[in-house]
Amino acid sequence: MPVYEYEILGPDGSVKGVYEVEQKMSDPPLTAHPVTGAQLRRILSSTFASASSGADLGCASGGCGVPSSNCEIAGGPCGGGGCGGGWN
């Protein structure tokens, strides 16, 4: 099962920490910390981005998890190296 990372948000929307949890890919994203109730926002980590099969899934289609509007950030498609190559 994949491990997802979430930003723990303070009342003012600032990031207060990171929470990691094992979830099925079919599970909906968490919105609140299970213990504290703090607001959570799921983030895309470099581990997740580079965990694909290595095939270039097509950044412009959003296949690597990066919205097509951000496709050319960090020096290349999906952060460089294609969708399977991870982020720079």
PDB file of N, CA and C in Angstrom:
ATOM      1  N   MET A   1       0.844  -1.177   0.000  1.00  0.00           N
ATOM      2  CA  MET A   1       0.000   0.000   0.000  1.00  0.00           C
ATOM      3  C   MET A   1       0.890   1.241   0.000  1.00  0.00           C
ATOM      4  N   PRO A   2       0.533   2.233  -0.790  1.00  0.00           N
ATOM      5  CA  PRO A   2       1.354   3.445  -0.839  1.00  0.00           C
ATOM      6  C   PRO A   2       1.237   4.285   0.432  1.00  0.00           C
ATOM      7  N   VAL A   3       2.296   5.031   0.691  1.00  0.00           N
ATOM      8  CA  VAL A   3       2.311   5.973   1.812  1.00  0.00           C
ATOM      9  C   VAL A   3       2.074   7.364   1.242  1.00  0.00           C
ATOM     10  N   TYR A   4       1.060   8.042   1.754  1.00  0.00           N
ATOM     11  CA  TYR A   4       0.737   9.396   1.309  1.00  0.00           C
ATOM     12  C   TYR A   4       1.193  10.399   2.357  1.00  0.00           C
ATOM     13  N   GLU A   5       1.629  11.556   1.893  1.00  0.00           N
ATOM     14  CA  GLU A   5       2.036  12.641   2.782  1.00  0.00           C
ATOM     15  C   GLU A   5       0.985  13.739   2.734  1.00  0.00           C
ATOM     16  N   TYR A   6       0.705  14.281   3.908  1.00  0.00           N
ATOM     17  CA  TYR A   6      -0.242  15.380   4.050  1.00  0.00           C
ATOM     18  C   TYR A   6       0.423  16.510   4.810  1.00  0.00           C
ATOM     19  N   GLU A   7       0.146  17.732   4.399  1.00  0.00           N
ATOM     20  CA  GLU A   7       0.557  18.900   5.180  1.00  0.00           C
ATOM     21  C   GLU A   7      -0.479  19.104   6.274  1.00  0.00           C
ATOM     22  N   ILE A   8      -0.007  19.341   7.486  1.00  0.00           N
ATOM     23  CA  ILE A   8      -0.887  19.676   8.600  1.00  0.00           C
ATOM     24  C   ILE A   8      -0.991  21.196   8.618  1.00  0.00           C
ATOM     25  N   LEU A   9      -2.203  21.704   8.488  1.00  0.00           N
ATOM     26  CA  LEU A   9      -2.414  23.142   8.375  1.00  0.00           C
ATOM     27  C   LEU A   9      -2.888  23.733   9.695  1.00  0.00           C
ATOM     28  N   GLY A  10      -2.349  24.896  10.025  1.00  0.00           N
ATOM     29  CA  GLY A  10      -2.787  25.633  11.196  1.00  0.00           C
ATOM     30  C   GLY A  10      -4.061  26.399  10.893  1.00  0.00           C
ATOM     31  N   PRO A  11      -4.661  27.012  11.899  1.00  0.00           N
ATOM     32  CA  PRO A  11      -5.899  27.781  11.701  1.00  0.00           C
ATOM     33  C   PRO A  11      -5.757  28.900  10.676  1.00  0.00           C
ATOM     34  N   ASP A  12      -4.539  29.431  10.528  1.00  0.00           N
ATOM     35  CA  ASP A  12      -4.311  30.511   9.563  1.00  0.00           C
ATOM     36  C   ASP A  12      -3.926  29.987   8.174  1.00  0.00           C
ATOM     37  N   GLY A  13      -3.913  28.653   8.010  1.00  0.00           N
ATOM     38  CA  GLY A  13      -3.570  28.054   6.721  1.00  0.00           C
ATOM     39  C   GLY A  13      -2.095  27.773   6.534  1.00  0.00           C
ATOM     40  N   SER A  14      -1.268  28.146   7.522  1.00  0.00           N
ATOM     41  CA  SER A  14       0.167  27.887   7.410  1.00  0.00           C
ATOM     42  C   SER A  14       0.454  26.412   7.690  1.00  0.00           C
ATOM     43  N   VAL A  15       1.531  25.911   7.105  1.00  0.00           N
ATOM     44  CA  VAL A  15       1.916  24.517   7.275  1.00  0.00           C
ATOM     45  C   VAL A  15       2.589  24.337   8.630  1.00  0.00           C
ATOM     46  N   LYS A  16       2.073  23.407   9.418  1.00  0.00           N
ATOM     47  CA  LYS A  16       2.589  23.159  10.768  1.00  0.00           C
ATOM     48  C   LYS A  16       3.390  21.866  10.859  1.00  0.00           C
ATOM     49  N   GLY A  17       3.312  21.031   9.848  1.00  0.00           N
ATOM     50  CA  GLY A  17       4.041  19.774   9.866  1.00  0.00           C
ATOM     51  C   GLY A  17       3.588  18.880   8.732  1.00  0.00           C
ATOM     52  N   VAL A  18       4.102  17.647   8.741  1.00  0.00           N
ATOM     53  CA  VAL A  18       3.764  16.662   7.722  1.00  0.00           C
ATOM     54  C   VAL A  18       3.287  15.399   8.419  1.00  0.00           C
ATOM     55  N   TYR A  19       2.241  14.798   7.891  1.00  0.00           N
ATOM     56  CA  TYR A  19       1.664  13.565   8.407  1.00  0.00           C
ATOM     57  C   TYR A  19       1.711  12.531   7.295  1.00  0.00           C
ATOM     58  N   GLU A  20       2.212  11.345   7.595  1.00  0.00           N
ATOM     59  CA  GLU A  20       2.286  10.268   6.614  1.00  0.00           C
ATOM     60  C   GLU A  20       1.340   9.154   7.033  1.00  0.00           C
ATOM     61  N   VAL A  21       0.676   8.556   6.052  1.00  0.00           N
ATOM     62  CA  VAL A  21      -0.278   7.478   6.341  1.00  0.00           C
ATOM     63  C   VAL A  21      -0.323   6.511   5.158  1.00  0.00           C
ATOM     64  N   GLU A  22      -0.416   5.219   5.466  1.00  0.00           N
ATOM     65  CA  GLU A  22      -0.614   4.210   4.431  1.00  0.00           C
ATOM     66  C   GLU A  22      -2.080   4.189   4.061  1.00  0.00           C
ATOM     67  N   GLN A  23      -2.358   4.301   2.767  1.00  0.00           N
ATOM     68  CA  GLN A  23      -3.728   4.274   2.276  1.00  0.00           C
ATOM     69  C   GLN A  23      -3.775   3.508   0.969  1.00  0.00           C
ATOM     70  N   LYS A  24      -4.925   2.922   0.692  1.00  0.00           N
ATOM     71  CA  LYS A  24      -5.153   2.345  -0.621  1.00  0.00           C
ATOM     72  C   LYS A  24      -5.266   3.495  -1.619  1.00  0.00           C
ATOM     73  N   MET A  25      -4.905   3.232  -2.856  1.00  0.00           N
ATOM     74  CA  MET A  25      -5.016   4.272  -3.883  1.00  0.00           C
ATOM     75  C   MET A  25      -6.475   4.665  -4.095  1.00  0.00           C
ATOM     76  N   SER A  26      -7.380   3.755  -3.826  1.00  0.00           N
ATOM     77  CA  SER A  26      -8.804   4.033  -4.027  1.00  0.00           C
ATOM     78  C   SER A  26      -9.431   4.793  -2.857  1.00  0.00           C
ATOM     79  N   ASP A  27      -8.714   4.917  -1.727  1.00  0.00           N
ATOM     80  CA  ASP A  27      -9.245   5.661  -0.581  1.00  0.00           C
ATOM     81  C   ASP A  27      -9.309   7.149  -0.898  1.00  0.00           C
ATOM     82  N   PRO A  28     -10.351   7.826  -0.431  1.00  0.00           N
ATOM     83  CA  PRO A  28     -10.397   9.281  -0.633  1.00  0.00           C
ATOM     84  C   PRO A  28      -9.344   9.977   0.220  1.00  0.00           C
ATOM     85  N   PRO A  29      -8.858  11.141  -0.223  1.00  0.00           N
ATOM     86  CA  PRO A  29      -7.869  11.878   0.575  1.00  0.00           C
ATOM     87  C   PRO A  29      -8.447  12.262   1.944  1.00  0.00           C
ATOM     88  N   LEU A  30      -7.592  12.251   2.960  1.00  0.00           N
ATOM     89  CA  LEU A  30      -8.005  12.694   4.289  1.00  0.00           C
ATOM     90  C   LEU A  30      -8.156  14.215   4.276  1.00  0.00           C
ATOM     91  N   THR A  31      -9.044  14.721   5.096  1.00  0.00           N
ATOM     92  CA  THR A  31      -9.215  16.173   5.210  1.00  0.00           C
ATOM     93  C   THR A  31      -8.902  16.660   6.616  1.00  0.00           C
ATOM     94  N   ALA A  32      -8.880  15.725   7.587  1.00  0.00           N
ATOM     95  CA  ALA A  32      -8.592  16.092   8.973  1.00  0.00           C
ATOM     96  C   ALA A  32      -7.701  15.037   9.606  1.00  0.00           C
ATOM     97  N   HIS A  33      -6.778  15.463  10.453  1.00  0.00           N
ATOM     98  CA  HIS A  33      -5.888  14.555  11.178  1.00  0.00           C
ATOM     99  C   HIS A  33      -6.746  13.664  12.071  1.00  0.00           C
ATOM    100  N   PRO A  34      -6.514  12.335  12.053  1.00  0.00           N
ATOM    101  CA  PRO A  34      -7.374  11.431  12.811  1.00  0.00           C
ATOM    102  C   PRO A  34      -7.303  11.610  14.336  1.00  0.00           C
ATOM    103  N   VAL A  35      -6.224  12.176  14.858  1.00  0.00           N
ATOM    104  CA  VAL A  35      -6.088  12.350  16.308  1.00  0.00           C
ATOM    105  C   VAL A  35      -6.390  13.782  16.734  1.00  0.00           C
ATOM    106  N   THR A  36      -5.775  14.744  16.052  1.00  0.00           N
ATOM    107  CA  THR A  36      -5.906  16.146  16.474  1.00  0.00           C
ATOM    108  C   THR A  36      -7.065  16.883  15.818  1.00  0.00           C
ATOM    109  N   GLY A  37      -7.524  16.391  14.684  1.00  0.00           N
ATOM    110  CA  GLY A  37      -8.587  17.067  13.953  1.00  0.00           C
ATOM    111  C   GLY A  37      -8.106  18.235  13.107  1.00  0.00           C
ATOM    112  N   ALA A  38      -6.794  18.492  13.093  1.00  0.00           N
ATOM    113  CA  ALA A  38      -6.244  19.584  12.291  1.00  0.00           C
ATOM    114  C   ALA A  38      -6.517  19.336  10.811  1.00  0.00           C
ATOM    115  N   GLN A  39      -6.704  20.406  10.057  1.00  0.00           N
ATOM    116  CA  GLN A  39      -6.955  20.314   8.623  1.00  0.00           C
ATOM    117  C   GLN A  39      -5.727  19.746   7.915  1.00  0.00           C
ATOM    118  N   LEU A  40      -5.956  18.848   6.949  1.00  0.00           N
ATOM    119  CA  LEU A  40      -4.883  18.239   6.168  1.00  0.00           C
ATOM    120  C   LEU A  40      -5.056  18.567   4.697  1.00  0.00           C
ATOM    121  N   ARG A  41      -3.912  18.621   3.988  1.00  0.00           N
ATOM    122  CA  ARG A  41      -3.901  18.792   2.536  1.00  0.00           C
ATOM    123  C   ARG A  41      -2.885  17.804   1.984  1.00  0.00           C
ATOM    124  N   ARG A  42      -3.342  16.873   1.115  1.00  0.00           N
ATOM    125  CA  ARG A  42      -2.441  15.867   0.555  1.00  0.00           C
ATOM    126  C   ARG A  42      -1.457  16.531  -0.389  1.00  0.00           C
ATOM    127  N   ILE A  43      -0.207  16.119  -0.307  1.00  0.00           N
ATOM    128  CA  ILE A  43       0.842  16.676  -1.156  1.00  0.00           C
ATOM    129  C   ILE A  43       1.451  15.578  -1.998  1.00  0.00           C
ATOM    130  N   LEU A  44       1.993  15.948  -3.116  1.00  0.00           N
ATOM    131  CA  LEU A  44       2.687  15.022  -4.001  1.00  0.00           C
ATOM    132  C   LEU A  44       4.152  15.035  -3.624  1.00  0.00           C
ATOM    133  N   SER A  45       4.648  13.907  -3.162  1.00  0.00           N
ATOM    134  CA  SER A  45       6.054  13.832  -2.781  1.00  0.00           C
ATOM    135  C   SER A  45       6.875  13.307  -3.949  1.00  0.00           C
ATOM    136  N   SER A  46       8.166  13.533  -3.900  1.00  0.00           N
ATOM    137  CA  SER A  46       9.036  13.051  -4.970  1.00  0.00           C
ATOM    138  C   SER A  46       9.062  11.534  -4.992  1.00  0.00           C
ATOM    139  N   THR A  47       8.880  10.894  -3.866  1.00  0.00           N
ATOM    140  CA  THR A  47       8.836   9.436  -3.816  1.00  0.00           C
ATOM    141  C   THR A  47       7.670   8.929  -4.632  1.00  0.00           C
ATOM    142  N   PHE A  48       6.507   9.551  -4.472  1.00  0.00           N
ATOM    143  CA  PHE A  48       5.328   9.142  -5.227  1.00  0.00           C
ATOM    144  C   PHE A  48       5.517   9.428  -6.707  1.00  0.00           C
ATOM    145  N   ALA A  49       6.053  10.581  -7.035  1.00  0.00           N
ATOM    146  CA  ALA A  49       6.212  10.975  -8.430  1.00  0.00           C
ATOM    147  C   ALA A  49       7.173  10.055  -9.159  1.00  0.00           C
ATOM    148  N   SER A  50       8.161   9.504  -8.472  1.00  0.00           N
ATOM    149  CA  SER A  50       9.128   8.637  -9.133  1.00  0.00           C
ATOM    150  C   SER A  50       8.775   7.170  -8.977  1.00  0.00           C
ATOM    151  N   ALA A  51       7.638   6.863  -8.381  1.00  0.00           N
ATOM    152  CA  ALA A  51       7.270   5.480  -8.133  1.00  0.00           C
ATOM    153  C   ALA A  51       6.538   4.841  -9.302  1.00  0.00           C
ATOM    154  N   SER A  52       6.386   5.549 -10.412  1.00  0.00           N
ATOM    155  CA  SER A  52       5.693   4.964 -11.555  1.00  0.00           C
ATOM    156  C   SER A  52       6.573   3.901 -12.194  1.00  0.00           C
ATOM    157  N   SER A  53       6.043   3.254 -13.196  1.00  0.00           N
ATOM    158  CA  SER A  53       6.755   2.160 -13.847  1.00  0.00           C
ATOM    159  C   SER A  53       7.961   2.640 -14.636  1.00  0.00           C
ATOM    160  N   GLY A  54       8.148   3.935 -14.742  1.00  0.00           N
ATOM    161  CA  GLY A  54       9.259   4.465 -15.518  1.00  0.00           C
ATOM    162  C   GLY A  54       8.824   4.911 -16.896  1.00  0.00           C
ATOM    163  N   ALA A  55       7.611   4.583 -17.271  1.00  0.00           N
ATOM    164  CA  ALA A  55       7.111   4.995 -18.576  1.00  0.00           C
ATOM    165  C   ALA A  55       6.697   6.457 -18.516  1.00  0.00           C
ATOM    166  N   ASP A  56       6.915   7.161 -19.590  1.00  0.00           N
ATOM    167  CA  ASP A  56       6.479   8.550 -19.654  1.00  0.00           C
ATOM    168  C   ASP A  56       4.987   8.540 -19.932  1.00  0.00           C
ATOM    169  N   LEU A  57       4.204   8.882 -18.927  1.00  0.00           N
ATOM    170  CA  LEU A  57       2.755   8.825 -19.027  1.00  0.00           C
ATOM    171  C   LEU A  57       2.160  10.055 -19.669  1.00  0.00           C
ATOM    172  N   GLY A  58       2.963  11.029 -20.005  1.00  0.00           N
ATOM    173  CA  GLY A  58       2.469  12.214 -20.663  1.00  0.00           C
ATOM    174  C   GLY A  58       2.071  13.287 -19.680  1.00  0.00           C
ATOM    175  N   CYS A  59       2.988  14.182 -19.398  1.00  0.00           N
ATOM    176  CA  CYS A  59       2.742  15.221 -18.409  1.00  0.00           C
ATOM    177  C   CYS A  59       1.579  16.104 -18.816  1.00  0.00           C
ATOM    178  N   ALA A  60       1.489  16.446 -20.070  1.00  0.00           N
ATOM    179  CA  ALA A  60       0.436  17.360 -20.504  1.00  0.00           C
ATOM    180  C   ALA A  60      -0.942  16.788 -20.221  1.00  0.00           C
ATOM    181  N   SER A  61      -1.045  15.464 -20.136  1.00  0.00           N
ATOM    182  CA  SER A  61      -2.334  14.847 -19.851  1.00  0.00           C
ATOM    183  C   SER A  61      -2.594  14.762 -18.358  1.00  0.00           C
ATOM    184  N   GLY A  62      -1.597  15.119 -17.535  1.00  0.00           N
ATOM    185  CA  GLY A  62      -1.741  15.002 -16.099  1.00  0.00           C
ATOM    186  C   GLY A  62      -1.426  13.605 -15.610  1.00  0.00           C
ATOM    187  N   GLY A  63      -0.891  12.755 -16.469  1.00  0.00           N
ATOM    188  CA  GLY A  63      -0.640  11.363 -16.126  1.00  0.00           C
ATOM    189  C   GLY A  63       0.358  11.152 -15.013  1.00  0.00           C
ATOM    190  N   CYS A  64       1.211  12.124 -14.742  1.00  0.00           N
ATOM    191  CA  CYS A  64       2.204  11.950 -13.689  1.00  0.00           C
ATOM    192  C   CYS A  64       1.790  12.637 -12.401  1.00  0.00           C
ATOM    193  N   GLY A  65       0.582  13.157 -12.347  1.00  0.00           N
ATOM    194  CA  GLY A  65       0.114  13.806 -11.131  1.00  0.00           C
ATOM    195  C   GLY A  65       0.358  15.302 -11.094  1.00  0.00           C
ATOM    196  N   VAL A  66       1.037  15.839 -12.092  1.00  0.00           N
ATOM    197  CA  VAL A  66       1.292  17.273 -12.145  1.00  0.00           C
ATOM    198  C   VAL A  66       0.262  17.897 -13.067  1.00  0.00           C
ATOM    199  N   PRO A  67      -0.493  18.886 -12.606  1.00  0.00           N
ATOM    200  CA  PRO A  67      -1.454  19.529 -13.501  1.00  0.00           C
ATOM    201  C   PRO A  67      -0.764  20.029 -14.762  1.00  0.00           C
ATOM    202  N   SER A  68      -1.429  19.933 -15.885  1.00  0.00           N
ATOM    203  CA  SER A  68      -0.802  20.305 -17.149  1.00  0.00           C
ATOM    204  C   SER A  68      -0.320  21.748 -17.150  1.00  0.00           C
ATOM    205  N   SER A  69      -0.935  22.623 -16.347  1.00  0.00           N
ATOM    206  CA  SER A  69      -0.498  24.010 -16.301  1.00  0.00           C
ATOM    207  C   SER A  69       0.877  24.145 -15.658  1.00  0.00           C
ATOM    208  N   ASN A  70       1.316  23.133 -14.893  1.00  0.00           N
ATOM    209  CA  ASN A  70       2.618  23.156 -14.238  1.00  0.00           C
ATOM    210  C   ASN A  70       3.614  22.222 -14.917  1.00  0.00           C
ATOM    211  N   CYS A  71       3.311  21.777 -16.106  1.00  0.00           N
ATOM    212  CA  CYS A  71       4.089  20.734 -16.763  1.00  0.00           C
ATOM    213  C   CYS A  71       5.546  21.104 -16.971  1.00  0.00           C
ATOM    214  N   GLU A  72       5.850  22.340 -17.211  1.00  0.00           N
ATOM    215  CA  GLU A  72       7.217  22.713 -17.538  1.00  0.00           C
ATOM    216  C   GLU A  72       7.990  23.295 -16.361  1.00  0.00           C
ATOM    217  N   ILE A  73       7.509  23.091 -15.133  1.00  0.00           N
ATOM    218  CA  ILE A  73       8.243  23.605 -13.979  1.00  0.00           C
ATOM    219  C   ILE A  73       9.518  22.815 -13.758  1.00  0.00           C
ATOM    220  N   ALA A  74      10.455  23.392 -13.069  1.00  0.00           N
ATOM    221  CA  ALA A  74      11.706  22.730 -12.678  1.00  0.00           C
ATOM    222  C   ALA A  74      12.505  22.220 -13.862  1.00  0.00           C
ATOM    223  N   GLY A  75      12.442  22.921 -14.979  1.00  0.00           N
ATOM    224  CA  GLY A  75      13.359  22.631 -16.075  1.00  0.00           C
ATOM    225  C   GLY A  75      12.943  21.548 -17.030  1.00  0.00           C
ATOM    226  N   GLY A  76      11.741  21.071 -17.001  1.00  0.00           N
ATOM    227  CA  GLY A  76      11.348  20.066 -17.972  1.00  0.00           C
ATOM    228  C   GLY A  76      10.013  19.454 -17.639  1.00  0.00           C
ATOM    229  N   PRO A  77       9.550  18.559 -18.494  1.00  0.00           N
ATOM    230  CA  PRO A  77       8.263  17.933 -18.254  1.00  0.00           C
ATOM    231  C   PRO A  77       8.246  17.219 -16.907  1.00  0.00           C
ATOM    232  N   CYS A  78       7.254  17.467 -16.133  1.00  0.00           N
ATOM    233  CA  CYS A  78       7.061  16.811 -14.832  1.00  0.00           C
ATOM    234  C   CYS A  78       8.266  16.997 -13.924  1.00  0.00           C
ATOM    235  N   GLY A  79       8.944  18.092 -14.019  1.00  0.00           N
ATOM    236  CA  GLY A  79      10.075  18.352 -13.136  1.00  0.00           C
ATOM    237  C   GLY A  79      11.380  17.800 -13.650  1.00  0.00           C
ATOM    238  N   GLY A  80      11.421  17.334 -14.860  1.00  0.00           N
ATOM    239  CA  GLY A  80      12.659  16.825 -15.443  1.00  0.00           C
ATOM    240  C   GLY A  80      12.635  15.311 -15.542  1.00  0.00           C
ATOM    241  N   GLY A  81      13.162  14.794 -16.605  1.00  0.00           N
ATOM    242  CA  GLY A  81      13.290  13.344 -16.762  1.00  0.00           C
ATOM    243  C   GLY A  81      12.000  12.642 -17.127  1.00  0.00           C
ATOM    244  N   GLY A  82      10.948  13.350 -17.489  1.00  0.00           N
ATOM    245  CA  GLY A  82       9.692  12.700 -17.811  1.00  0.00           C
ATOM    246  C   GLY A  82       8.954  12.278 -16.560  1.00  0.00           C
ATOM    247  N   CYS A  83       7.793  11.705 -16.725  1.00  0.00           N
ATOM    248  CA  CYS A  83       6.958  11.359 -15.580  1.00  0.00           C
ATOM    249  C   CYS A  83       7.582  10.282 -14.710  1.00  0.00           C
ATOM    250  N   GLY A  84       8.290   9.364 -15.278  1.00  0.00           N
ATOM    251  CA  GLY A  84       8.874   8.287 -14.478  1.00  0.00           C
ATOM    252  C   GLY A  84      10.189   8.662 -13.854  1.00  0.00           C
ATOM    253  N   GLY A  85      10.744   9.805 -14.210  1.00  0.00           N
ATOM    254  CA  GLY A  85      12.079  10.163 -13.731  1.00  0.00           C
ATOM    255  C   GLY A  85      12.117  10.921 -12.439  1.00  0.00           C
ATOM    256  N   GLY A  86      10.974  11.274 -11.887  1.00  0.00           N
ATOM    257  CA  GLY A  86      10.962  11.996 -10.622  1.00  0.00           C
ATOM    258  C   GLY A  86      11.169  13.482 -10.806  1.00  0.00           C
ATOM    259  N   TRP A  87      11.309  14.184  -9.708  1.00  0.00           N
ATOM    260  CA  TRP A  87      11.448  15.640  -9.700  1.00  0.00           C
ATOM    261  C   TRP A  87      12.898  16.004  -9.504  1.00  0.00           C
ATOM    262  N   ASN A  88      13.280  17.140 -10.063  1.00  0.00           N
ATOM    263  CA  ASN A  88      14.653  17.632  -9.848  1.00  0.00           C
ATOM    264  C   ASN A  88      14.763  18.294  -8.514  1.00  0.00           C
TER     265      ASN A  88
END
